[in-house]
Structures are given as structure tokens and as C-alpha cells.
PDB file of N, CA and C in Angstrom:
ATOM      1  N   MET A   1      32.029   8.369  -3.973  1.00  0.00           N
ATOM      2  CA  MET A   1      29.665   8.610  -3.161  1.00  0.00           C
ATOM      3  C   MET A   1      29.122   9.126  -4.559  1.00  0.00           C
ATOM      4  N   ILE A   2      27.388   9.033  -4.747  1.00  0.00           N
ATOM      5  CA  ILE A   2      27.193   9.508  -5.309  1.00  0.00           C
ATOM      6  C   ILE A   2      27.086  10.419  -4.648  1.00  0.00           C
ATOM      7  N   ASP A   3      25.829  11.305  -5.922  1.00  0.00           N
ATOM      8  CA  ASP A   3      25.271  12.774  -6.289  1.00  0.00           C
ATOM      9  C   ASP A   3      24.076  12.327  -5.584  1.00  0.00           C
ATOM     10  N   LEU A   4      23.424  12.014  -4.077  1.00  0.00           N
ATOM     11  CA  LEU A   4      22.292  12.468  -3.991  1.00  0.00           C
ATOM     12  C   LEU A   4      21.233  13.729  -4.747  1.00  0.00           C
ATOM     13  N   THR A   5      22.143  14.706  -5.167  1.00  0.00           N
ATOM     14  CA  THR A   5      20.903  15.566  -6.147  1.00  0.00           C
ATOM     15  C   THR A   5      20.348  15.176  -7.272  1.00  0.00           C
ATOM     16  N   ILE A   6      21.744  13.984  -8.135  1.00  0.00           N
ATOM     17  CA  ILE A   6      21.044  13.549  -9.073  1.00  0.00           C
ATOM     18  C   ILE A   6      19.921  12.316  -9.596  1.00  0.00           C
ATOM     19  N   VAL A   7      20.461  12.094  -8.197  1.00  0.00           N
ATOM     20  CA  VAL A   7      19.436  10.922  -7.621  1.00  0.00           C
ATOM     21  C   VAL A   7      17.394  11.644  -7.407  1.00  0.00           C
ATOM     22  N   ALA A   8      18.065  12.703  -6.766  1.00  0.00           N
ATOM     23  CA  ALA A   8      16.433  12.849  -6.229  1.00  0.00           C
ATOM     24  C   ALA A   8      15.847  13.917  -7.535  1.00  0.00           C
ATOM     25  N   MET A   9      16.697  13.672  -8.413  1.00  0.00           N
ATOM     26  CA  MET A   9      15.693  14.693  -9.915  1.00  0.00           C
ATOM     27  C   MET A   9      15.728  13.743 -10.409  1.00  0.00           C
ATOM     28  N   THR A  10      16.033  11.963 -10.221  1.00  0.00           N
ATOM     29  CA  THR A  10      15.859  10.639 -11.592  1.00  0.00           C
ATOM     30  C   THR A  10      14.323  10.428 -10.443  1.00  0.00           C
ATOM     31  N   VAL A  11      13.805  10.810  -9.922  1.00  0.00           N
ATOM     32  CA  VAL A  11      13.095  10.066  -9.060  1.00  0.00           C
ATOM     33  C   VAL A  11      11.804  10.583  -9.565  1.00  0.00           C
ATOM     34  N   PRO A  12      10.984   9.855 -10.143  1.00  0.00           N
ATOM     35  CA  PRO A  12       9.449  11.087 -10.944  1.00  0.00           C
ATOM     36  C   PRO A  12       8.600  11.001  -8.854  1.00  0.00           C
ATOM     37  N   ARG A  13       8.256  12.672  -9.096  1.00  0.00           N
ATOM     38  CA  ARG A  13       6.880  12.852  -8.483  1.00  0.00           C
ATOM     39  C   ARG A  13       5.966  11.951  -8.568  1.00  0.00           C
ATOM     40  N   THR A  14       5.010  11.207  -7.306  1.00  0.00           N
ATOM     41  CA  THR A  14       4.402  11.025  -6.624  1.00  0.00           C
ATOM     42  C   THR A  14       3.037  11.293  -6.636  1.00  0.00           C
ATOM     43  N   VAL A  15       1.894  11.183  -6.973  1.00  0.00           N
ATOM     44  CA  VAL A  15       0.825  11.011  -6.555  1.00  0.00           C
ATOM     45  C   VAL A  15       0.954  11.566  -5.276  1.00  0.00           C
ATOM     46  N   GLU A  16      -0.186  13.085  -4.358  1.00  0.00           N
ATOM     47  CA  GLU A  16      -0.423  13.140  -2.335  1.00  0.00           C
ATOM     48  C   GLU A  16      -1.892  12.136  -2.863  1.00  0.00           C
ATOM     49  N   TRP A  17      -1.877  11.866  -1.403  1.00  0.00           N
ATOM     50  CA  TRP A  17      -2.783  10.941  -1.546  1.00  0.00           C
ATOM     51  C   TRP A  17      -4.162  11.487  -1.214  1.00  0.00           C
ATOM     52  N   GLY A  18      -4.956  11.232  -1.652  1.00  0.00           N
ATOM     53  CA  GLY A  18      -6.929  11.798  -1.444  1.00  0.00           C
ATOM     54  C   GLY A  18      -7.893  11.136  -1.572  1.00  0.00           C
ATOM     55  N   PRO A  19      -8.878  11.134  -1.392  1.00  0.00           N
ATOM     56  CA  PRO A  19     -10.194  10.359  -2.156  1.00  0.00           C
ATOM     57  C   PRO A  19      -9.897   9.239  -3.640  1.00  0.00           C
ATOM     58  N   GLN A  20      -9.269  10.255  -4.517  1.00  0.00           N
ATOM     59  CA  GLN A  20      -8.999   9.465  -6.329  1.00  0.00           C
ATOM     60  C   GLN A  20      -8.808   9.245  -5.678  1.00  0.00           C
ATOM     61  N   VAL A  21      -6.818   8.528  -4.704  1.00  0.00           N
ATOM     62  CA  VAL A  21      -5.815   7.128  -4.586  1.00  0.00           C
ATOM     63  C   VAL A  21      -6.926   6.689  -4.072  1.00  0.00           C
ATOM     64  N   ALA A  22      -7.364   6.365  -3.300  1.00  0.00           N
ATOM     65  CA  ALA A  22      -8.635   6.007  -1.642  1.00  0.00           C
ATOM     66  C   ALA A  22      -9.414   4.807  -2.441  1.00  0.00           C
ATOM     67  N   ILE A  23     -10.033   5.971  -3.382  1.00  0.00           N
ATOM     68  CA  ILE A  23     -11.466   4.671  -3.668  1.00  0.00           C
ATOM     69  C   ILE A  23     -10.409   4.005  -5.054  1.00  0.00           C
ATOM     70  N   VAL A  24      -9.853   4.706  -5.976  1.00  0.00           N
ATOM     71  CA  VAL A  24      -8.786   3.303  -6.175  1.00  0.00           C
ATOM     72  C   VAL A  24      -8.366   2.174  -5.814  1.00  0.00           C
ATOM     73  N   MET A  25      -7.264   2.390  -4.066  1.00  0.00           N
ATOM     74  CA  MET A  25      -6.997   1.681  -3.656  1.00  0.00           C
ATOM     75  C   MET A  25      -8.249   0.986  -2.862  1.00  0.00           C
ATOM     76  N   ILE A  26      -9.438   1.190  -2.595  1.00  0.00           N
ATOM     77  CA  ILE A  26     -10.617   0.646  -2.577  1.00  0.00           C
ATOM     78  C   ILE A  26     -10.932  -0.346  -3.566  1.00  0.00           C
ATOM     79  N   LEU A  27     -11.056   0.330  -4.753  1.00  0.00           N
ATOM     80  CA  LEU A  27     -11.278  -0.745  -5.815  1.00  0.00           C
ATOM     81  C   LEU A  27     -10.672  -2.231  -5.939  1.00  0.00           C
ATOM     82  N   CYS A  28      -9.032  -1.491  -5.975  1.00  0.00           N
ATOM     83  CA  CYS A  28      -8.833  -2.466  -6.476  1.00  0.00           C
ATOM     84  C   CYS A  28      -8.936  -3.642  -5.616  1.00  0.00           C
ATOM     85  N   ASN A  29      -9.130  -3.400  -4.118  1.00  0.00           N
ATOM     86  CA  ASN A  29      -9.001  -4.635  -2.640  1.00  0.00           C
ATOM     87  C   ASN A  29     -10.528  -5.604  -2.976  1.00  0.00           C
ATOM     88  N   ILE A  30     -11.747  -4.334  -3.232  1.00  0.00           N
ATOM     89  CA  ILE A  30     -12.616  -5.270  -3.995  1.00  0.00           C
ATOM     90  C   ILE A  30     -12.386  -6.415  -4.631  1.00  0.00           C
ATOM     91  N   ALA A  31     -11.582  -5.870  -6.043  1.00  0.00           N
ATOM     92  CA  ALA A  31     -11.736  -6.545  -6.597  1.00  0.00           C
ATOM     93  C   ALA A  31     -11.439  -7.723  -6.453  1.00  0.00           C
ATOM     94  N   ALA A  32      -9.653  -7.666  -6.013  1.00  0.00           N
ATOM     95  CA  ALA A  32      -9.018  -8.472  -5.382  1.00  0.00           C
ATOM     96  C   ALA A  32      -9.578  -9.493  -4.211  1.00  0.00           C
ATOM     97  N   ILE A  33     -10.182  -9.204  -3.473  1.00  0.00           N
ATOM     98  CA  ILE A  33     -11.420 -10.079  -2.742  1.00  0.00           C
ATOM     99  C   ILE A  33     -12.150 -10.757  -3.340  1.00  0.00           C
ATOM    100  N   ALA A  34     -12.533  -9.572  -4.247  1.00  0.00           N
ATOM    101  CA  ALA A  34     -13.583 -10.943  -5.582  1.00  0.00           C
ATOM    102  C   ALA A  34     -13.671 -11.913  -5.661  1.00  0.00           C
ATOM    103  N   PHE A  35     -11.779 -11.804  -6.768  1.00  0.00           N
ATOM    104  CA  PHE A  35     -10.868 -12.634  -7.707  1.00  0.00           C
ATOM    105  C   PHE A  35     -10.887 -14.025  -6.040  1.00  0.00           C
ATOM    106  N   GLY A  36     -10.033 -13.685  -5.230  1.00  0.00           N
ATOM    107  CA  GLY A  36      -9.406 -14.344  -4.617  1.00  0.00           C
ATOM    108  C   GLY A  36     -10.585 -15.243  -3.970  1.00  0.00           C
ATOM    109  N   LYS A  37     -11.852 -14.830  -3.361  1.00  0.00           N
ATOM    110  CA  LYS A  37     -13.076 -15.772  -2.859  1.00  0.00           C
ATOM    111  C   LYS A  37     -13.722 -16.579  -4.321  1.00  0.00           C
ATOM    112  N   ALA A  38     -13.236 -16.267  -4.853  1.00  0.00           N
ATOM    113  CA  ALA A  38     -14.043 -17.563  -6.492  1.00  0.00           C
ATOM    114  C   ALA A  38     -12.551 -18.481  -7.068  1.00  0.00           C
ATOM    115  N   THR A  39     -11.606 -17.644  -6.050  1.00  0.00           N
ATOM    116  CA  THR A  39     -10.859 -18.884  -6.291  1.00  0.00           C
ATOM    117  C   THR A  39      -9.944 -19.646  -6.473  1.00  0.00           C
ATOM    118  N   MET A  40     -10.165 -19.112  -5.333  1.00  0.00           N
ATOM    119  CA  MET A  40      -9.272 -20.157  -3.746  1.00  0.00           C
ATOM    120  C   MET A  40     -10.213 -21.273  -3.775  1.00  0.00           C
ATOM    121  N   LYS A  41      -9.542 -22.821  -3.988  1.00  0.00           N
ATOM    122  CA  LYS A  41      -9.923 -23.611  -3.570  1.00  0.00           C
ATOM    123  C   LYS A  41     -10.471 -24.105  -2.080  1.00  0.00           C
ATOM    124  N   ASN A  42     -10.503 -22.754  -0.387  1.00  0.00           N
ATOM    125  CA  ASN A  42     -11.461 -23.428   0.550  1.00  0.00           C
ATOM    126  C   ASN A  42     -10.117 -21.802   1.476  1.00  0.00           C
ATOM    127  N   PRO A  43     -12.024 -21.264   0.996  1.00  0.00           N
ATOM    128  CA  PRO A  43     -11.175 -19.832   1.197  1.00  0.00           C
ATOM    129  C   PRO A  43     -11.656 -19.578   2.583  1.00  0.00           C
ATOM    130  N   ALA A  44     -12.378 -20.717   3.727  1.00  0.00           N
ATOM    131  CA  ALA A  44     -13.038 -20.551   4.544  1.00  0.00           C
ATOM    132  C   ALA A  44     -12.101 -21.077   5.622  1.00  0.00           C
ATOM    133  N   ALA A  45     -10.490 -21.941   5.208  1.00  0.00           N
ATOM    134  CA  ALA A  45      -9.570 -22.335   5.893  1.00  0.00           C
ATOM    135  C   ALA A  45      -9.106 -20.972   7.293  1.00  0.00           C
ATOM    136  N   GLY A  46      -8.944 -21.857   8.178  1.00  0.00           N
ATOM    137  CA  GLY A  46      -7.471 -21.477   9.242  1.00  0.00           C
ATOM    138  C   GLY A  46      -8.360 -20.870   9.831  1.00  0.00           C
ATOM    139  N   PRO A  47      -8.202 -19.984  11.214  1.00  0.00           N
ATOM    140  CA  PRO A  47      -8.898 -19.288  11.615  1.00  0.00           C
ATOM    141  C   PRO A  47      -9.898 -18.462  11.849  1.00  0.00           C
ATOM    142  N   GLU A  48     -11.534 -18.253  11.541  1.00  0.00           N
ATOM    143  CA  GLU A  48     -11.984 -17.214  11.899  1.00  0.00           C
ATOM    144  C   GLU A  48     -11.842 -15.702  11.473  1.00  0.00           C
ATOM    145  N   MET A  49     -12.433 -14.882  10.911  1.00  0.00           N
ATOM    146  CA  MET A  49     -11.817 -13.902  11.139  1.00  0.00           C
ATOM    147  C   MET A  49     -13.936 -13.696  12.357  1.00  0.00           C
ATOM    148  N   PRO A  50     -13.690 -11.853  12.850  1.00  0.00           N
ATOM    149  CA  PRO A  50     -13.764 -12.103  14.015  1.00  0.00           C
ATOM    150  C   PRO A  50     -15.543 -11.299  13.560  1.00  0.00           C
ATOM    151  N   SER A  51     -15.716 -10.512  12.848  1.00  0.00           N
ATOM    152  CA  SER A  51     -17.104 -11.019  11.699  1.00  0.00           C
ATOM    153  C   SER A  51     -16.728 -11.853  10.480  1.00  0.00           C
ATOM    154  N   PRO A  52     -17.083 -13.430  10.837  1.00  0.00           N
ATOM    155  CA  PRO A  52     -16.960 -14.076   9.922  1.00  0.00           C
ATOM    156  C   PRO A  52     -17.982 -13.821   8.308  1.00  0.00           C
ATOM    157  N   GLU A  53     -19.566 -13.720   8.589  1.00  0.00           N
ATOM    158  CA  GLU A  53     -20.472 -13.087   8.054  1.00  0.00           C
ATOM    159  C   GLU A  53     -20.171 -11.365   7.045  1.00  0.00           C
ATOM    160  N   PHE A  54     -19.358 -10.893   7.515  1.00  0.00           N
ATOM    161  CA  PHE A  54     -18.881  -9.297   7.360  1.00  0.00           C
ATOM    162  C   PHE A  54     -18.180 -10.363   5.642  1.00  0.00           C
ATOM    163  N   PHE A  55     -17.624 -10.663   6.034  1.00  0.00           N
ATOM    164  CA  PHE A  55     -16.141 -11.991   4.387  1.00  0.00           C
ATOM    165  C   PHE A  55     -17.139 -11.951   3.859  1.00  0.00           C
ATOM    166  N   GLY A  56     -17.979 -13.446   4.032  1.00  0.00           N
ATOM    167  CA  GLY A  56     -18.781 -13.889   3.217  1.00  0.00           C
ATOM    168  C   GLY A  56     -17.839 -15.281   3.698  1.00  0.00           C
ATOM    169  N   GLY A  57     -17.870 -15.182   5.004  1.00  0.00           N
ATOM    170  CA  GLY A  57     -17.272 -16.885   4.845  1.00  0.00           C
ATOM    171  C   GLY A  57     -16.426 -16.629   4.989  1.00  0.00           C
ATOM    172  N   MET A  58     -14.995 -15.603   4.715  1.00  0.00           N
ATOM    173  CA  MET A  58     -13.607 -15.518   4.376  1.00  0.00           C
ATOM    174  C   MET A  58     -12.967 -16.495   5.908  1.00  0.00           C
ATOM    175  N   GLY A  59     -11.506 -17.054   5.822  1.00  0.00           N
ATOM    176  CA  GLY A  59     -11.134 -17.160   7.048  1.00  0.00           C
ATOM    177  C   GLY A  59      -9.708 -15.955   7.594  1.00  0.00           C
ATOM    178  N   LEU A  60      -9.061 -16.174   7.737  1.00  0.00           N
ATOM    179  CA  LEU A  60      -7.870 -15.210   7.975  1.00  0.00           C
ATOM    180  C   LEU A  60      -6.997 -14.701   6.428  1.00  0.00           C
ATOM    181  N   PRO A  61      -6.112 -16.105   7.084  1.00  0.00           N
ATOM    182  CA  PRO A  61      -5.691 -16.123   6.205  1.00  0.00           C
ATOM    183  C   PRO A  61      -6.258 -15.882   4.662  1.00  0.00           C
ATOM    184  N   ALA A  62      -6.963 -15.871   4.761  1.00  0.00           N
ATOM    185  CA  ALA A  62      -7.574 -15.827   2.212  1.00  0.00           C
ATOM    186  C   ALA A  62      -8.260 -14.422   2.675  1.00  0.00           C
ATOM    187  N   VAL A  63      -8.129 -13.538   3.933  1.00  0.00           N
ATOM    188  CA  VAL A  63      -8.271 -11.388   3.944  1.00  0.00           C
ATOM    189  C   VAL A  63      -7.040 -11.329   3.329  1.00  0.00           C
ATOM    190  N   LEU A  64      -5.828 -11.757   4.631  1.00  0.00           N
ATOM    191  CA  LEU A  64      -4.974 -11.129   4.865  1.00  0.00           C
ATOM    192  C   LEU A  64      -4.564 -11.211   3.053  1.00  0.00           C
ATOM    193  N   ALA A  65      -4.119 -13.153   2.238  1.00  0.00           N
ATOM    194  CA  ALA A  65      -3.861 -13.622   0.738  1.00  0.00           C
ATOM    195  C   ALA A  65      -4.992 -11.859  -0.192  1.00  0.00           C
ATOM    196  N   THR A  66      -5.851 -12.053   0.306  1.00  0.00           N
ATOM    197  CA  THR A  66      -6.393 -10.532  -1.101  1.00  0.00           C
ATOM    198  C   THR A  66      -6.512 -10.078  -0.955  1.00  0.00           C
ATOM    199  N   THR A  67      -6.117  -9.584   0.796  1.00  0.00           N
ATOM    200  CA  THR A  67      -6.465  -6.952   0.568  1.00  0.00           C
ATOM    201  C   THR A  67      -4.337  -7.862   0.401  1.00  0.00           C
ATOM    202  N   SER A  68      -3.853  -8.664   0.840  1.00  0.00           N
ATOM    203  CA  SER A  68      -2.301  -7.891   0.438  1.00  0.00           C
ATOM    204  C   SER A  68      -2.163  -8.064  -1.359  1.00  0.00           C
ATOM    205  N   LEU A  69      -2.463  -8.768  -2.167  1.00  0.00           N
ATOM    206  CA  LEU A  69      -2.653  -8.906  -3.049  1.00  0.00           C
ATOM    207  C   LEU A  69      -3.626  -7.281  -3.642  1.00  0.00           C
ATOM    208  N   GLY A  70      -4.814  -6.898  -3.231  1.00  0.00           N
ATOM    209  CA  GLY A  70      -5.191  -5.609  -3.337  1.00  0.00           C
ATOM    210  C   GLY A  70      -4.123  -4.322  -3.417  1.00  0.00           C
ATOM    211  N   HIS A  71      -3.503  -4.640  -2.896  1.00  0.00           N
ATOM    212  CA  HIS A  71      -2.533  -3.253  -2.529  1.00  0.00           C
ATOM    213  C   HIS A  71      -1.665  -3.857  -2.737  1.00  0.00           C
ATOM    214  N   ILE A  72      -1.321  -4.582  -3.711  1.00  0.00           N
ATOM    215  CA  ILE A  72      -0.223  -4.975  -4.582  1.00  0.00           C
ATOM    216  C   ILE A  72      -1.042  -3.778  -6.231  1.00  0.00           C
ATOM    217  N   VAL A  73      -2.010  -4.883  -6.197  1.00  0.00           N
ATOM    218  CA  VAL A  73      -2.499  -3.704  -7.318  1.00  0.00           C
ATOM    219  C   VAL A  73      -2.880  -2.360  -6.943  1.00  0.00           C
ATOM    220  N   GLY A  74      -3.345  -1.958  -6.486  1.00  0.00           N
ATOM    221  CA  GLY A  74      -3.009  -0.523  -5.816  1.00  0.00           C
ATOM    222  C   GLY A  74      -2.183  -0.111  -6.105  1.00  0.00           C
ATOM    223  N   PHE A  75      -1.251  -0.147  -5.444  1.00  0.00           N
ATOM    224  CA  PHE A  75      -0.378   0.580  -5.858  1.00  0.00           C
ATOM    225  C   PHE A  75       0.475   0.890  -7.287  1.00  0.00           C
ATOM    226  N   GLY A  76       0.697  -0.499  -8.258  1.00  0.00           N
ATOM    227  CA  GLY A  76       0.771  -0.488  -9.092  1.00  0.00           C
ATOM    228  C   GLY A  76      -0.604   0.764 -10.367  1.00  0.00           C
ATOM    229  N   ALA A  77      -1.590   0.271 -10.124  1.00  0.00           N
ATOM    230  CA  ALA A  77      -2.519   1.772 -10.913  1.00  0.00           C
ATOM    231  C   ALA A  77      -2.853   2.945 -10.241  1.00  0.00           C
ATOM    232  N   ILE A  78      -2.253   3.079  -9.194  1.00  0.00           N
ATOM    233  CA  ILE A  78      -2.580   4.765  -8.068  1.00  0.00           C
ATOM    234  C   ILE A  78      -0.822   4.543  -9.849  1.00  0.00           C
ATOM    235  N   LEU A  79      -0.324   4.210  -8.972  1.00  0.00           N
ATOM    236  CA  LEU A  79       1.158   4.754 -10.065  1.00  0.00           C
ATOM    237  C   LEU A  79       1.027   4.392 -11.533  1.00  0.00           C
ATOM    238  N   GLY A  80       0.344   3.966 -12.103  1.00  0.00           N
ATOM    239  CA  GLY A  80       0.655   4.046 -13.238  1.00  0.00           C
ATOM    240  C   GLY A  80      -0.533   5.659 -13.869  1.00  0.00           C
ATOM    241  N   LEU A  81      -2.058   5.730 -12.833  1.00  0.00           N
ATOM    242  CA  LEU A  81      -3.213   6.391 -13.567  1.00  0.00           C
ATOM    243  C   LEU A  81      -2.024   7.791 -12.708  1.00  0.00           C
ATOM    244  N   ALA A  82      -1.565   7.935 -11.941  1.00  0.00           N
ATOM    245  CA  ALA A  82      -0.799   8.989 -12.202  1.00  0.00           C
ATOM    246  C   ALA A  82       0.482   9.390 -12.588  1.00  0.00           C
ATOM    247  N   ASN A  83       1.223   8.823 -13.730  1.00  0.00           N
ATOM    248  CA  ASN A  83       2.303   8.541 -15.072  1.00  0.00           C
ATOM    249  C   ASN A  83       1.445   9.655 -16.234  1.00  0.00           C
ATOM    250  N   ILE A  84       0.153   8.409 -15.813  1.00  0.00           N
ATOM    251  CA  ILE A  84      -0.862   8.572 -17.098  1.00  0.00           C
ATOM    252  C   ILE A  84      -1.794  10.418 -17.125  1.00  0.00           C
ATOM    253  N   GLY A  85      -1.683  10.967 -16.211  1.00  0.00           N
ATOM    254  CA  GLY A  85      -2.185  12.157 -15.749  1.00  0.00           C
ATOM    255  C   GLY A  85      -3.673  12.482 -14.942  1.00  0.00           C
ATOM    256  N   VAL A  86      -4.096  10.565 -15.125  1.00  0.00           N
ATOM    257  CA  VAL A  86      -5.532  10.922 -14.541  1.00  0.00           C
ATOM    258  C   VAL A  86      -5.372  10.924 -13.190  1.00  0.00           C
ATOM    259  N   LEU A  87      -4.856  10.857 -12.642  1.00  0.00           N
ATOM    260  CA  LEU A  87      -4.862  10.988 -10.909  1.00  0.00           C
ATOM    261  C   LEU A  87      -4.037  12.278 -10.957  1.00  0.00           C
TER     262      LEU A  87
END
């Protein structure tokens, strides 16, 4: 059986959620949406968003894909910035 106290001691402490973390996540999502819109062949495919003009004519699949990528990049950025002591 694994001793959970040893496992808990080896897990690094993560940064708590706050305004700085939120700003990093928002910026990563905006960058991912811009990257996706610039590189997708047909970003308007699929069902439309409720406010298509807000998302620049991107369809639901494109918005879901780009924000998913943004969250993955944001997760890495937040952990990396926390590890080097910026956050």
C-alpha cells in the first residue's frame, strides 16, 4: 500500500485562484481564439453561436475548439509562471 503522506509531500503547491491567474487565463484564451480564427479553413462551419457578431462569425465548433486550446495553454502558463515565482 502507498503511504499517502509521502505522495502528498511530493506534490508541488499550486497557486490559488486570483485576479492575476484570471488575467493569464483570459489572455491565453484570447490568443487561442485569434490563432484559431486566423488558421482555420472554415471557422464559421456548424451551428452558429447565439451572438455570431460577438465571436466574429465563428461557429460553435470553432469556439469550443479554440477555447479548449486556450484553457490547455492557460493551464500550462499558470503552472509555469507559478513555478518561476511570477504568480
